[in-house]
C-alpha atoms as a PDB file:
ATOM      1  CA  UNK A   1      29.460-135.733 -48.096  1.00  0.00           C
ATOM      2  CA  UNK A   2      25.857-135.121 -47.076  1.00  0.00           C
ATOM      3  CA  UNK A   3      22.994-136.470 -49.115  1.00  0.00           C
ATOM      4  CA  UNK A   4      19.597-134.771 -49.084  1.00  0.00           C
ATOM      5  CA  UNK A   5      17.008-137.480 -49.573  1.00  0.00           C
ATOM      6  CA  UNK A   6      14.115-135.359 -48.295  1.00  0.00           C
ATOM      7  CA  UNK A   7      11.073-135.471 -50.536  1.00  0.00           C
ATOM      8  CA  UNK A   8      10.453-131.868 -51.642  1.00  0.00           C
ATOM      9  CA  UNK A   9       6.673-132.373 -51.385  1.00  0.00           C
ATOM     10  CA  UNK A  10       6.940-133.684 -47.814  1.00  0.00           C
ATOM     11  CA  UNK A  11       6.065-130.328 -46.214  1.00  0.00           C
ATOM     12  CA  UNK A  12       3.253-129.374 -48.598  1.00  0.00           C
ATOM     13  CA  UNK A  13       0.588-131.041 -46.469  1.00  0.00           C
ATOM     14  CA  UNK A  14       2.033-130.132 -43.079  1.00  0.00           C
ATOM     15  CA  UNK A  15       1.863-127.267 -40.610  1.00  0.00           C
ATOM     16  CA  UNK A  16       5.043-125.981 -39.022  1.00  0.00           C
ATOM     17  CA  UNK A  17       5.313-123.736 -35.974  1.00  0.00           C
ATOM     18  CA  UNK A  18       7.550-120.772 -36.768  1.00  0.00           C
ATOM     19  CA  UNK A  19       8.552-118.829 -33.642  1.00  0.00           C
ATOM     20  CA  UNK A  20       9.816-115.894 -35.713  1.00  0.00           C
ATOM     21  CA  UNK A  21       6.820-115.477 -38.010  1.00  0.00           C
ATOM     22  CA  UNK A  22       4.162-112.874 -37.313  1.00  0.00           C
ATOM     23  CA  UNK A  23       1.922-114.217 -40.099  1.00  0.00           C
ATOM     24  CA  UNK A  24      -0.023-117.449 -40.444  1.00  0.00           C
ATOM     25  CA  UNK A  25       0.221-118.911 -43.963  1.00  0.00           C
ATOM     26  CA  UNK A  26      -1.682-121.654 -45.763  1.00  0.00           C
ATOM     27  CA  UNK A  27      -0.512-123.084 -49.063  1.00  0.00           C
ATOM     28  CA  UNK A  28      -3.776-124.552 -50.395  1.00  0.00           C
ATOM     29  CA  UNK A  29      -7.444-123.684 -50.123  1.00  0.00           C
ATOM     30  CA  UNK A  30      -8.140-127.400 -49.652  1.00  0.00           C
ATOM     31  CA  UNK A  31      -7.353-127.215 -45.920  1.00  0.00           C
ATOM     32  CA  UNK A  32     -10.440-128.160 -43.930  1.00  0.00           C
ATOM     33  CA  UNK A  33     -11.382-125.140 -41.817  1.00  0.00           C
ATOM     34  CA  UNK A  34     -10.166-122.473 -44.292  1.00  0.00           C
ATOM     35  CA  UNK A  35     -12.513-119.598 -45.073  1.00  0.00           C
ATOM     36  CA  UNK A  36     -11.474-116.798 -47.428  1.00  0.00           C
ATOM     37  CA  UNK A  37     -12.409-113.284 -46.279  1.00  0.00           C
ATOM     38  CA  UNK A  38     -10.918-111.176 -49.096  1.00  0.00           C
ATOM     39  CA  UNK A  39      -8.661-111.270 -52.142  1.00  0.00           C
ATOM     40  CA  UNK A  40      -5.838-109.117 -50.692  1.00  0.00           C
ATOM     41  CA  UNK A  41      -6.990-105.757 -52.090  1.00  0.00           C
ATOM     42  CA  UNK A  42      -3.918-104.016 -50.575  1.00  0.00           C
ATOM     43  CA  UNK A  43      -1.591-106.383 -52.513  1.00  0.00           C
ATOM     44  CA  UNK A  44       0.292-107.331 -49.338  1.00  0.00           C
ATOM     45  CA  UNK A  45       3.226-109.730 -49.542  1.00  0.00           C
ATOM     46  CA  UNK A  46       5.511-111.670 -47.237  1.00  0.00           C
ATOM     47  CA  UNK A  47       9.265-112.024 -47.116  1.00  0.00           C
ATOM     48  CA  UNK A  48      10.484-115.618 -46.971  1.00  0.00           C
ATOM     49  CA  UNK A  49      14.222-116.083 -47.182  1.00  0.00           C
ATOM     50  CA  UNK A  50      15.376-114.000 -50.142  1.00  0.00           C
ATOM     51  CA  UNK A  51      11.919-114.009 -51.737  1.00  0.00           C
ATOM     52  CA  UNK A  52       9.169-111.401 -51.718  1.00  0.00           C
ATOM     53  CA  UNK A  53       5.892-113.306 -52.307  1.00  0.00           C
ATOM     54  CA  UNK A  54       2.488-111.797 -53.086  1.00  0.00           C
ATOM     55  CA  UNK A  55      -0.384-113.024 -50.904  1.00  0.00           C
ATOM     56  CA  UNK A  56      -3.299-114.380 -52.966  1.00  0.00           C
ATOM     57  CA  UNK A  57      -6.003-113.928 -50.312  1.00  0.00           C
ATOM     58  CA  UNK A  58      -6.683-113.464 -46.607  1.00  0.00           C
ATOM     59  CA  UNK A  59      -8.943-115.560 -44.440  1.00  0.00           C
ATOM     60  CA  UNK A  60      -9.514-117.488 -41.245  1.00  0.00           C
ATOM     61  CA  UNK A  61      -8.512-121.029 -40.372  1.00  0.00           C
ATOM     62  CA  UNK A  62      -9.847-123.440 -37.781  1.00  0.00           C
ATOM     63  CA  UNK A  63      -6.947-125.670 -36.795  1.00  0.00           C
ATOM     64  CA  UNK A  64      -7.062-128.613 -34.397  1.00  0.00           C
ATOM     65  CA  UNK A  65      -4.083-128.558 -32.026  1.00  0.00           C
ATOM     66  CA  UNK A  66      -2.778-130.811 -29.277  1.00  0.00           C
ATOM     67  CA  UNK A  67      -2.842-128.982 -25.922  1.00  0.00           C
ATOM     68  CA  UNK A  68      -2.282-130.048 -22.304  1.00  0.00           C
ATOM     69  CA  UNK A  69      -6.082-130.324 -22.089  1.00  0.00           C
ATOM     70  CA  UNK A  70      -6.501-132.538 -25.155  1.00  0.00           C
ATOM     71  CA  UNK A  71      -7.370-131.533 -28.715  1.00  0.00           C
ATOM     72  CA  UNK A  72      -8.656-127.977 -29.115  1.00  0.00           C
ATOM     73  CA  UNK A  73      -9.794-126.105 -32.180  1.00  0.00           C
ATOM     74  CA  UNK A  74      -7.948-122.824 -32.606  1.00  0.00           C
ATOM     75  CA  UNK A  75      -9.438-120.135 -34.802  1.00  0.00           C
ATOM     76  CA  UNK A  76      -6.633-118.312 -36.558  1.00  0.00           C
ATOM     77  CA  UNK A  77      -7.435-114.899 -38.011  1.00  0.00           C
ATOM     78  CA  UNK A  78      -5.622-112.852 -40.637  1.00  0.00           C
ATOM     79  CA  UNK A  79      -4.280-115.977 -42.381  1.00  0.00           C
ATOM     80  CA  UNK A  80      -2.415-115.426 -45.654  1.00  0.00           C
ATOM     81  CA  UNK A  81      -3.124-117.816 -48.534  1.00  0.00           C
ATOM     82  CA  UNK A  82      -0.153-118.299 -50.844  1.00  0.00           C
ATOM     83  CA  UNK A  83      -0.818-121.005 -53.438  1.00  0.00           C
ATOM     84  CA  UNK A  84       1.950-123.590 -53.526  1.00  0.00           C
ATOM     85  CA  UNK A  85       3.975-122.149 -50.625  1.00  0.00           C
ATOM     86  CA  UNK A  86       6.488-124.683 -49.256  1.00  0.00           C
ATOM     87  CA  UNK A  87       4.349-125.458 -46.185  1.00  0.00           C
ATOM     88  CA  UNK A  88       1.594-124.018 -44.017  1.00  0.00           C
ATOM     89  CA  UNK A  89       2.862-121.884 -41.149  1.00  0.00           C
ATOM     90  CA  UNK A  90       1.539-121.219 -37.668  1.00  0.00           C
ATOM     91  CA  UNK A  91       3.137-117.859 -36.893  1.00  0.00           C
ATOM     92  CA  UNK A  92       3.914-118.222 -33.212  1.00  0.00           C
ATOM     93  CA  UNK A  93       4.741-114.531 -32.769  1.00  0.00           C
ATOM     94  CA  UNK A  94       1.173-113.770 -33.850  1.00  0.00           C
ATOM     95  CA  UNK A  95      -0.207-116.380 -31.408  1.00  0.00           C
ATOM     96  CA  UNK A  96       1.396-114.810 -28.341  1.00  0.00           C
ATOM     97  CA  UNK A  97      -1.112-111.943 -28.344  1.00  0.00           C
ATOM     98  CA  UNK A  98      -3.843-114.591 -28.061  1.00  0.00           C
ATOM     99  CA  UNK A  99      -2.032-116.326 -25.137  1.00  0.00           C
ATOM    100  CA  UNK A 100      -1.158-119.339 -27.302  1.00  0.00           C
ATOM    101  CA  UNK A 101       2.320-120.687 -26.558  1.00  0.00           C
ATOM    102  CA  UNK A 102       4.308-123.673 -27.795  1.00  0.00           C
ATOM    103  CA  UNK A 103       5.947-126.180 -25.416  1.00  0.00           C
ATOM    104  CA  UNK A 104       8.695-127.759 -27.515  1.00  0.00           C
ATOM    105  CA  UNK A 105       9.531-130.292 -24.777  1.00  0.00           C
ATOM    106  CA  UNK A 106       6.015-131.752 -24.868  1.00  0.00           C
ATOM    107  CA  UNK A 107       5.298-130.814 -28.502  1.00  0.00           C
ATOM    108  CA  UNK A 108       1.998-129.127 -27.586  1.00  0.00           C
ATOM    109  CA  UNK A 109       0.386-125.689 -27.862  1.00  0.00           C
END
């Protein structure tokens, strides 16, 4: 029998790299580097699992990442803000157009 002892709030203050996501997502406006650009006038939403979730706002995010050259600040554009989302997501599919790639062996961008 498996026991899930994972704290459900563990991911709230983390970023995960999602190779299948074409959208960056933040789950709180408290992230340092977040700047709102609009309140989602088109009422766009994302699909996550079986859920269809309305985006609260769009913005940009400056995120510090570990790279082969040291720490670099990445400026993410078209970032969806969804209050209380499980975690914040770096949509790797969206990064590829900006020549940002993830090396899972070294755990660096």
